[in-house]
Amino acid sequence: MMAATKEASVRLELTVVERIRDIPCDAWNALLAPDDSPFLEWEWLCAMEESKSAARKTGWAPYHFIVRTSPGGRIVAACPMYLKSHSMGEFIFDHGWADAAERAGIRYFPKLLVGIPFTPHTGRRFLVCQDFDRTTMIALFARALTEFCKDNELSSVHVNFCTPEEAEALKGLGYLERLGYQYHWQNGGFENFDDYLGQLKSKRRYAVRHERAALREQDVSIRVHAGDEIGDAMFGPMFKIYLSTIQKLYWGRQYLTREFFELLRASFKRHLRFVCAYRRGELIAGTINLEKAGVFYGRYWGCFSELPFLHFNVCYYAAIEHCIERRISRFEPGAGGEYKWLRGFDPSLTRSMHFIAHAGLRKAIASFLSRERREVEAWIAEGRDRSQLKPVPPSNVEAE
């Protein structure tokens, strides 16, 4: 393969690496942009694999693509990739596609997934060194993924929660676009929590105040533990917090192991934020979150005591207050939940791209996606139009 750099053309070789620990940490992380999420960092992905959370036995066999200068030179591009034997833990639901394939006598699994295990966040999926042309490298990856799929007689390639730039490039190479949405909170330059309340419409403002007042009545206090101030002893209880929700829900599924939390304790505290609720000094609830480059990522919630509004106070209001204090620009609380919209989280578009090898299945899925896209776009427009946030005055818009 040949590719253009900012200086000249060089010969490249693309290989598959089945363990990220066989890729040097510094080489992988050097491909990241400053605003890439923490989920793309080598330490996070390695913890997933080494803890057996994302492994062949759990249906997440690592098959990372890397591109080196030839012969055997430095790594200039990479993408996190997994051979999947099921569709769980992806947050882009294609169970109907798998069922349709089975009815038609088409083997759907295994399939290829480019993305982050158990993590529904939008971000770059193709990591490219700064001195290489990014558009060229995305096209190189897209063709390589298609060829890998066909050569190994796989049903499909799925690039989940990719950026608009990547979606456009893949669309031009025969990938089908799937739209979705999440609910994100945007920091409107608030100085304090009351400023946020002031932007909510009156009905919602009253409801939030009522829910916040429950903390005082319950004698509950909330604290955010950030980075190195997180004590090593907290990781055991937070793992139990993670398990508590899974064990209460009949559809709950444990993806993360205790070893994963231990590996985060050893090498990833810098991005961790634990929002914890205490009652008379005892931990009763909490959320496991991450923070980087002005974005707060909400992930796992759990509680040992069921109290009214505790979930909203820990998951949302305490996190919003933290974001305001730290000047965090955006809060992404994860997938699902229109109750987030009621609290000032407006719908935000997500994109995923899909290459379907079988022509008949591809045609059927393309027809479904066309209808689904219209529904998603309609709800995003409606959700923003009916936002629980009051419109920003025109004078403020001009001042910005």
Protein backbone atom coordinates (compact mmCIF):
# COMPACT_ATOMS: atom_id res chain seq x y z
CA MET A 1 0.00 0.00 0.00
CA MET A 2 1.13 3.54 -0.67
CA ALA A 3 -0.04 6.62 1.20
CA ALA A 4 0.77 10.30 1.09
CA THR A 5 2.27 12.11 4.03
CA LYS A 6 2.74 15.86 4.26
CA GLU A 7 6.20 15.38 2.79
CA ALA A 8 6.15 12.38 0.46
CA SER A 9 4.62 9.02 -0.38
CA VAL A 10 5.64 6.04 1.73
CA ARG A 11 4.96 2.32 1.61
CA LEU A 12 2.66 0.99 4.32
CA GLU A 13 1.72 -2.43 5.66
CA LEU A 14 -1.52 -3.26 7.45
CA THR A 15 -1.61 -6.07 9.98
CA VAL A 16 -4.01 -7.55 12.55
CA VAL A 17 -2.93 -7.67 16.19
CA GLU A 18 -4.94 -9.95 18.48
CA ARG A 19 -3.81 -8.44 21.80
CA ILE A 20 -3.46 -4.73 22.36
CA ARG A 21 -0.68 -5.41 24.85
CA ASP A 22 1.39 -6.46 21.82
CA ILE A 23 1.11 -2.86 20.58
CA PRO A 24 3.34 -0.45 22.52
CA CYS A 25 1.29 1.82 24.75
CA ASP A 26 3.16 4.95 23.68
CA ALA A 27 2.78 4.10 19.99
CA TRP A 28 -1.01 3.67 20.30
CA ASN A 29 -1.58 6.74 22.46
CA ALA A 30 0.59 8.88 20.16
CA LEU A 31 -2.13 8.46 17.51
CA LEU A 32 -4.77 10.10 19.72
CA ALA A 33 -5.84 13.72 19.39
CA PRO A 34 -5.99 15.79 22.61
CA ASP A 35 -9.80 15.73 22.55
CA ASP A 36 -10.16 11.99 21.95
CA SER A 37 -12.13 10.27 24.68
CA PRO A 38 -10.45 8.25 27.45
CA PHE A 39 -12.12 5.12 26.08
CA LEU A 40 -9.70 5.14 23.13
CA GLU A 41 -6.62 5.16 25.31
CA TRP A 42 -4.41 2.07 25.39
CA GLU A 43 -4.80 1.62 29.16
CA TRP A 44 -8.61 1.43 28.96
CA LEU A 45 -8.64 -1.01 26.06
CA CYS A 46 -5.89 -3.11 27.63
CA ALA A 47 -7.80 -3.28 30.90
CA MET A 48 -10.82 -4.55 28.96
CA GLU A 49 -8.77 -7.35 27.43
CA GLU A 50 -6.48 -8.28 30.31
CA SER A 51 -9.42 -8.50 32.72
CA LYS A 52 -11.19 -10.89 30.32
CA SER A 53 -14.08 -8.44 30.03
CA ALA A 54 -13.55 -8.10 26.26
CA ALA A 55 -12.09 -11.42 25.19
CA ARG A 56 -12.78 -14.30 22.84
CA LYS A 57 -14.62 -16.22 25.59
CA THR A 58 -17.03 -13.31 26.11
CA GLY A 59 -17.67 -12.89 22.38
CA TRP A 60 -15.25 -9.97 21.96
CA ALA A 61 -12.18 -11.36 20.22
CA PRO A 62 -9.68 -8.49 19.66
CA TYR A 63 -8.55 -8.03 16.05
CA HIS A 64 -7.02 -4.57 16.03
CA PHE A 65 -5.86 -3.15 12.70
CA ILE A 66 -2.55 -1.30 12.72
CA VAL A 67 -0.72 0.38 9.86
CA ARG A 68 3.07 0.61 9.88
CA THR A 69 5.56 2.17 7.57
CA SER A 70 7.16 -0.66 5.62
CA PRO A 71 9.14 -2.70 6.35
CA GLY A 72 8.38 -3.08 10.08
CA GLY A 73 8.54 0.62 10.90
CA ARG A 74 6.57 2.89 13.18
CA ILE A 75 2.83 2.64 13.71
CA VAL A 76 1.08 5.47 11.85
CA ALA A 77 -2.58 4.45 12.12
CA ALA A 78 -4.80 2.01 14.01
CA CYS A 79 -8.38 1.13 14.79
CA PRO A 80 -9.88 -0.88 17.68
CA MET A 81 -11.65 -3.89 16.19
CA TYR A 82 -13.33 -7.05 17.51
CA LEU A 83 -14.65 -10.25 16.01
CA LYS A 84 -18.09 -10.61 17.58
CA SER A 85 -20.04 -13.83 18.12
CA HIS A 86 -23.14 -11.93 19.34
CA SER A 87 -24.49 -8.35 19.39
CA MET A 88 -24.53 -7.68 23.12
CA GLY A 89 -22.77 -4.71 24.69
CA GLU A 90 -22.74 -2.62 21.50
CA PHE A 91 -25.71 -0.23 22.04
CA ILE A 92 -26.43 -0.30 18.31
CA PHE A 93 -29.13 -2.94 18.20
CA ASP A 94 -29.00 -5.21 15.15
CA HIS A 95 -30.76 -8.24 16.65
CA GLY A 96 -33.48 -7.88 14.02
CA TRP A 97 -30.87 -7.99 11.27
CA ALA A 98 -29.41 -11.18 12.72
CA ASP A 99 -32.89 -12.74 12.93
CA ALA A 100 -33.66 -11.78 9.33
CA ALA A 101 -30.34 -13.25 8.18
CA GLU A 102 -31.05 -16.52 10.01
CA ARG A 103 -34.50 -16.80 8.45
CA ALA A 104 -32.91 -16.31 5.04
CA GLY A 105 -30.26 -18.95 5.70
CA ILE A 106 -27.45 -16.40 5.99
CA ARG A 107 -24.87 -16.82 8.75
CA TYR A 108 -24.71 -13.48 10.58
CA PHE A 109 -22.11 -14.31 13.22
CA PRO A 110 -19.24 -13.83 13.54
CA LYS A 111 -19.15 -10.22 12.41
CA LEU A 112 -16.58 -7.42 12.64
CA LEU A 113 -17.06 -4.49 14.97
CA VAL A 114 -14.96 -1.32 14.98
CA GLY A 115 -15.70 0.44 18.24
CA ILE A 116 -15.25 0.41 22.00
CA PRO A 117 -16.63 -2.49 24.07
CA PHE A 118 -19.69 -1.68 26.20
CA THR A 119 -19.32 2.06 25.55
CA PRO A 120 -21.90 4.06 23.57
CA HIS A 121 -19.92 7.22 22.92
CA THR A 122 -19.21 9.04 19.67
CA GLY A 123 -15.56 9.45 18.78
CA ARG A 124 -12.86 8.77 16.23
CA ARG A 125 -12.67 5.13 15.28
CA PHE A 126 -9.72 5.47 12.91
CA LEU A 127 -6.63 6.82 14.63
CA VAL A 128 -4.14 8.47 12.30
CA CYS A 129 -0.72 10.01 12.86
CA GLN A 130 -0.72 13.78 12.35
CA ASP A 131 1.74 13.71 9.43
CA PHE A 132 -0.48 11.42 7.34
CA ASP A 133 -3.53 12.47 5.36
CA ARG A 134 -6.52 11.41 7.44
CA THR A 135 -9.00 11.10 4.56
CA THR A 136 -6.65 8.79 2.67
CA MET A 137 -6.11 6.61 5.72
CA ILE A 138 -9.83 6.32 6.48
CA ALA A 139 -10.38 5.11 2.91
CA LEU A 140 -7.53 2.64 3.35
CA PHE A 141 -9.14 1.24 6.50
CA ALA A 142 -12.57 1.06 4.87
CA ARG A 143 -11.27 -0.97 1.93
CA ALA A 144 -9.20 -3.21 4.22
CA LEU A 145 -12.23 -3.91 6.42
CA THR A 146 -14.35 -4.79 3.39
CA GLU A 147 -11.66 -7.11 2.02
CA PHE A 148 -11.13 -8.73 5.43
CA CYS A 149 -14.86 -9.33 5.68
CA LYS A 150 -15.09 -10.93 2.23
CA ASP A 151 -11.86 -12.94 2.49
CA ASN A 152 -12.98 -14.48 5.77
CA GLU A 153 -16.61 -14.96 4.65
CA LEU A 154 -17.98 -12.76 7.40
CA SER A 155 -21.46 -11.29 7.18
CA SER A 156 -20.71 -7.66 7.95
CA VAL A 157 -18.56 -4.84 9.30
CA HIS A 158 -19.99 -2.36 11.80
CA VAL A 159 -18.30 0.95 12.66
CA ASN A 160 -20.24 2.13 15.68
CA PHE A 161 -20.57 5.68 17.04
CA CYS A 162 -18.13 7.14 14.53
CA THR A 163 -17.58 10.82 13.74
CA PRO A 164 -19.46 12.66 10.96
CA GLU A 165 -16.19 12.87 9.00
CA GLU A 166 -15.72 9.10 9.15
CA ALA A 167 -19.36 8.46 8.31
CA GLU A 168 -19.13 10.56 5.15
CA ALA A 169 -15.97 8.77 4.01
CA LEU A 170 -17.48 5.32 4.62
CA LYS A 171 -20.75 6.25 2.95
CA GLY A 172 -18.87 6.94 -0.26
CA LEU A 173 -17.38 3.43 -0.12
CA GLY A 174 -20.63 1.51 0.10
CA TYR A 175 -21.31 1.48 3.83
CA LEU A 176 -24.88 2.02 5.04
CA GLU A 177 -25.49 4.86 7.51
CA ARG A 178 -27.51 4.33 10.66
CA LEU A 179 -28.63 7.28 12.75
CA GLY A 180 -29.44 7.26 16.43
CA TYR A 181 -29.57 9.71 19.29
CA GLN A 182 -28.48 10.22 22.86
CA TYR A 183 -29.30 12.91 25.39
CA HIS A 184 -26.45 15.31 26.17
CA TRP A 185 -26.23 18.22 28.59
CA GLN A 186 -24.46 21.35 27.37
CA ASN A 187 -22.91 23.87 29.73
CA GLY A 188 -24.41 27.23 28.85
CA GLY A 189 -21.69 29.13 30.69
CA PHE A 190 -23.42 28.61 34.03
CA GLU A 191 -21.77 30.07 37.13
CA ASN A 192 -23.63 27.80 39.54
CA PHE A 193 -26.43 25.24 39.77
CA ASP A 194 -29.04 27.97 40.17
CA ASP A 195 -28.06 29.29 36.73
CA TYR A 196 -28.84 25.88 35.27
CA LEU A 197 -32.15 25.81 37.12
CA GLY A 198 -32.94 29.26 35.78
CA GLN A 199 -32.67 27.99 32.21
CA LEU A 200 -35.18 25.20 32.81
CA LYS A 201 -38.84 25.85 32.13
CA SER A 202 -40.80 26.54 35.28
CA LYS A 203 -42.48 23.13 35.62
CA ARG A 204 -39.16 21.30 35.33
CA ARG A 205 -37.40 23.79 37.59
CA TYR A 206 -39.93 23.13 40.33
CA ALA A 207 -39.53 19.35 39.88
CA VAL A 208 -35.72 19.50 40.13
CA ARG A 209 -35.87 21.61 43.28
CA HIS A 210 -38.31 19.13 44.80
CA GLU A 211 -36.06 16.19 43.93
CA ARG A 212 -32.96 17.94 45.27
CA ALA A 213 -34.72 18.74 48.54
CA ALA A 214 -35.11 15.00 49.15
CA LEU A 215 -31.40 14.77 49.96
CA ARG A 216 -31.77 16.93 53.06
CA GLU A 217 -34.82 15.03 54.21
CA GLN A 218 -32.98 11.71 53.76
CA ASP A 219 -29.78 12.95 55.44
CA VAL A 220 -27.82 12.12 52.30
CA SER A 221 -24.67 13.92 51.14
CA ILE A 222 -22.99 13.54 47.75
CA ARG A 223 -19.29 13.86 47.02
CA VAL A 224 -17.29 13.67 43.78
CA HIS A 225 -13.99 11.78 44.09
CA ALA A 226 -11.67 12.75 41.23
CA GLY A 227 -8.44 11.28 39.89
CA ASP A 228 -5.65 10.58 42.34
CA GLU A 229 -7.82 11.56 45.30
CA ILE A 230 -9.75 8.30 44.74
CA GLY A 231 -8.52 5.96 47.42
CA ASP A 232 -7.49 2.43 46.44
CA ALA A 233 -10.01 1.04 48.90
CA MET A 234 -12.90 2.58 46.92
CA PHE A 235 -12.57 0.26 43.93
CA GLY A 236 -14.00 -2.79 45.68
CA PRO A 237 -17.18 -1.01 46.80
CA MET A 238 -17.57 0.65 43.39
CA PHE A 239 -17.39 -2.75 41.71
CA LYS A 240 -20.23 -3.83 44.02
CA ILE A 241 -22.08 -0.64 43.05
CA TYR A 242 -21.71 -1.69 39.39
CA LEU A 243 -23.01 -5.19 40.18
CA SER A 244 -25.97 -3.94 42.20
CA THR A 245 -27.89 -2.63 39.19
CA ILE A 246 -27.17 -5.74 37.13
CA GLN A 247 -28.41 -8.03 39.87
CA LYS A 248 -31.68 -6.11 40.24
CA LEU A 249 -32.66 -6.20 36.56
CA TYR A 250 -33.77 -9.40 34.89
CA TRP A 251 -32.14 -8.23 31.64
CA GLY A 252 -28.98 -7.16 33.45
CA ARG A 253 -25.72 -8.60 32.15
CA GLN A 254 -22.32 -8.33 33.75
CA TYR A 255 -19.74 -7.24 31.21
CA LEU A 256 -16.98 -6.01 33.50
CA THR A 257 -14.98 -8.14 35.92
CA ARG A 258 -13.49 -7.28 39.27
CA GLU A 259 -10.06 -7.44 37.59
CA PHE A 260 -11.10 -4.62 35.27
CA PHE A 261 -11.66 -2.34 38.25
CA GLU A 262 -8.30 -3.37 39.71
CA LEU A 263 -6.55 -2.49 36.47
CA LEU A 264 -8.26 0.90 36.40
CA ARG A 265 -7.08 1.45 39.97
CA ALA A 266 -3.51 0.71 38.94
CA SER A 267 -3.28 2.71 35.72
CA PHE A 268 -6.32 4.89 34.97
CA LYS A 269 -7.26 6.98 37.98
CA ARG A 270 -6.43 10.20 36.12
CA HIS A 271 -9.70 10.12 34.14
CA LEU A 272 -11.99 8.54 36.75
CA ARG A 273 -14.69 10.42 38.64
CA PHE A 274 -16.71 8.60 41.30
CA VAL A 275 -19.90 10.40 42.34
CA CYS A 276 -20.85 8.86 45.69
CA ALA A 277 -23.83 9.26 48.00
CA TYR A 278 -23.35 8.79 51.75
CA ARG A 279 -25.85 8.40 54.56
CA ARG A 280 -24.48 8.78 58.07
CA GLY A 281 -21.02 8.17 56.66
CA GLU A 282 -21.96 4.97 54.83
CA LEU A 283 -21.73 4.60 51.04
CA ILE A 284 -25.24 3.91 49.73
CA ALA A 285 -25.01 4.74 46.01
CA GLY A 286 -22.67 5.93 43.33
CA THR A 287 -21.78 6.35 39.68
CA ILE A 288 -18.59 5.50 37.82
CA ASN A 289 -17.70 8.25 35.36
CA LEU A 290 -14.80 9.52 33.31
CA GLU A 291 -13.67 13.01 32.38
CA LYS A 292 -11.32 14.33 29.71
CA ALA A 293 -10.87 17.37 27.49
CA GLY A 294 -13.95 19.20 28.77
CA VAL A 295 -16.34 16.25 28.54
CA PHE A 296 -17.87 14.30 31.43
CA TYR A 297 -18.88 10.72 30.58
CA GLY A 298 -21.46 9.07 32.83
CA ARG A 299 -21.31 5.28 32.82
CA TYR A 300 -22.37 2.95 35.63
CA TRP A 301 -24.89 3.57 38.42
CA GLY A 302 -25.82 1.46 41.39
CA CYS A 303 -27.19 1.69 44.93
CA PHE A 304 -27.37 -0.36 48.09
CA SER A 305 -30.36 1.57 49.45
CA GLU A 306 -33.45 2.54 47.45
CA LEU A 307 -34.45 6.13 48.23
CA PRO A 308 -36.79 8.46 46.30
CA PHE A 309 -34.96 10.57 43.67
CA LEU A 310 -31.54 9.23 44.72
CA HIS A 311 -30.85 8.10 41.16
CA PHE A 312 -31.53 11.54 39.68
CA ASN A 313 -29.51 13.31 42.36
CA VAL A 314 -26.43 11.14 41.99
CA CYS A 315 -26.49 10.46 38.24
CA TYR A 316 -27.51 13.91 37.00
CA TYR A 317 -27.74 16.80 39.45
CA ALA A 318 -24.45 16.13 41.27
CA ALA A 319 -22.73 15.52 37.94
CA ILE A 320 -24.15 18.75 36.47
CA GLU A 321 -23.00 20.66 39.53
CA HIS A 322 -19.52 19.16 39.13
CA CYS A 323 -19.47 20.12 35.43
CA ILE A 324 -20.42 23.71 36.25
CA GLU A 325 -17.75 23.99 38.95
CA ARG A 326 -15.07 22.51 36.68
CA ARG A 327 -16.16 24.43 33.55
CA ILE A 328 -16.88 21.16 31.78
CA SER A 329 -18.55 21.90 28.45
CA ARG A 330 -20.56 18.72 27.87
CA PHE A 331 -22.01 15.86 29.89
CA GLU A 332 -22.70 12.60 28.03
CA PRO A 333 -24.61 10.29 30.38
CA GLY A 334 -24.76 7.31 28.01
CA ALA A 335 -27.54 5.63 26.09
CA GLY A 336 -31.32 5.77 26.48
CA GLY A 337 -33.66 7.48 28.89
CA GLU A 338 -36.09 10.22 27.91
CA TYR A 339 -36.16 11.18 31.61
CA LYS A 340 -32.84 12.85 30.78
CA TRP A 341 -34.61 15.04 28.23
CA LEU A 342 -36.98 16.19 30.97
CA ARG A 343 -33.95 17.49 32.87
CA GLY A 344 -32.40 19.59 30.14
CA PHE A 345 -30.50 16.95 28.17
CA ASP A 346 -31.38 17.54 24.53
CA PRO A 347 -31.15 14.84 21.82
CA SER A 348 -27.84 14.61 20.00
CA LEU A 349 -27.33 12.69 16.76
CA THR A 350 -25.17 9.56 16.63
CA ARG A 351 -23.92 7.76 13.53
CA SER A 352 -22.83 4.22 12.77
CA MET A 353 -21.78 2.72 9.44
CA HIS A 354 -22.41 -0.82 8.24
CA PHE A 355 -21.06 -2.93 5.39
CA ILE A 356 -23.31 -5.90 4.65
CA ALA A 357 -21.71 -8.52 2.42
CA HIS A 358 -24.86 -10.32 1.21
CA ALA A 359 -26.61 -8.29 -1.49
CA GLY A 360 -30.15 -9.33 -0.55
CA LEU A 361 -29.64 -8.68 3.16
CA ARG A 362 -27.96 -5.38 2.37
CA LYS A 363 -30.96 -4.24 0.30
CA ALA A 364 -33.41 -5.14 3.07
CA ILE A 365 -31.35 -3.40 5.75
CA ALA A 366 -30.92 -0.32 3.55
CA SER A 367 -34.70 -0.06 3.22
CA PHE A 368 -35.14 -0.36 6.99
CA LEU A 369 -32.46 2.25 7.68
CA SER A 370 -34.07 4.72 5.31
CA ARG A 371 -37.30 4.59 7.33
CA GLU A 372 -35.49 4.61 10.65
CA ARG A 373 -33.43 7.68 9.72
CA ARG A 374 -36.58 9.68 9.05
CA GLU A 375 -37.97 8.71 12.46
CA VAL A 376 -34.74 9.61 14.25
CA GLU A 377 -34.40 12.96 12.51
CA ALA A 378 -38.05 13.76 13.28
CA TRP A 379 -37.62 13.03 16.99
CA ILE A 380 -34.39 15.04 17.24
CA ALA A 381 -36.14 18.01 15.67
CA GLU A 382 -39.16 17.58 17.94
CA GLY A 383 -37.02 16.99 21.04
CA ARG A 384 -35.07 20.17 20.47
CA ASP A 385 -38.17 22.15 19.58
CA ARG A 386 -39.86 21.00 22.81
CA SER A 387 -36.71 21.28 24.88
CA GLN A 388 -37.16 21.72 28.62
CA LEU A 389 -34.61 24.52 28.40
CA LYS A 390 -35.82 28.04 27.75
CA PRO A 391 -34.61 29.60 24.49
CA VAL A 392 -31.44 31.65 24.78
CA PRO A 393 -32.31 35.36 24.36
CA PRO A 394 -31.21 36.80 21.00
CA SER A 395 -28.95 39.36 22.76
CA ASN A 396 -26.98 36.51 24.36
CA VAL A 397 -26.60 34.76 21.01
CA GLU A 398 -25.19 37.96 19.49
CA ALA A 399 -22.81 38.38 22.39
CA GLU A 400 -21.40 34.88 21.83
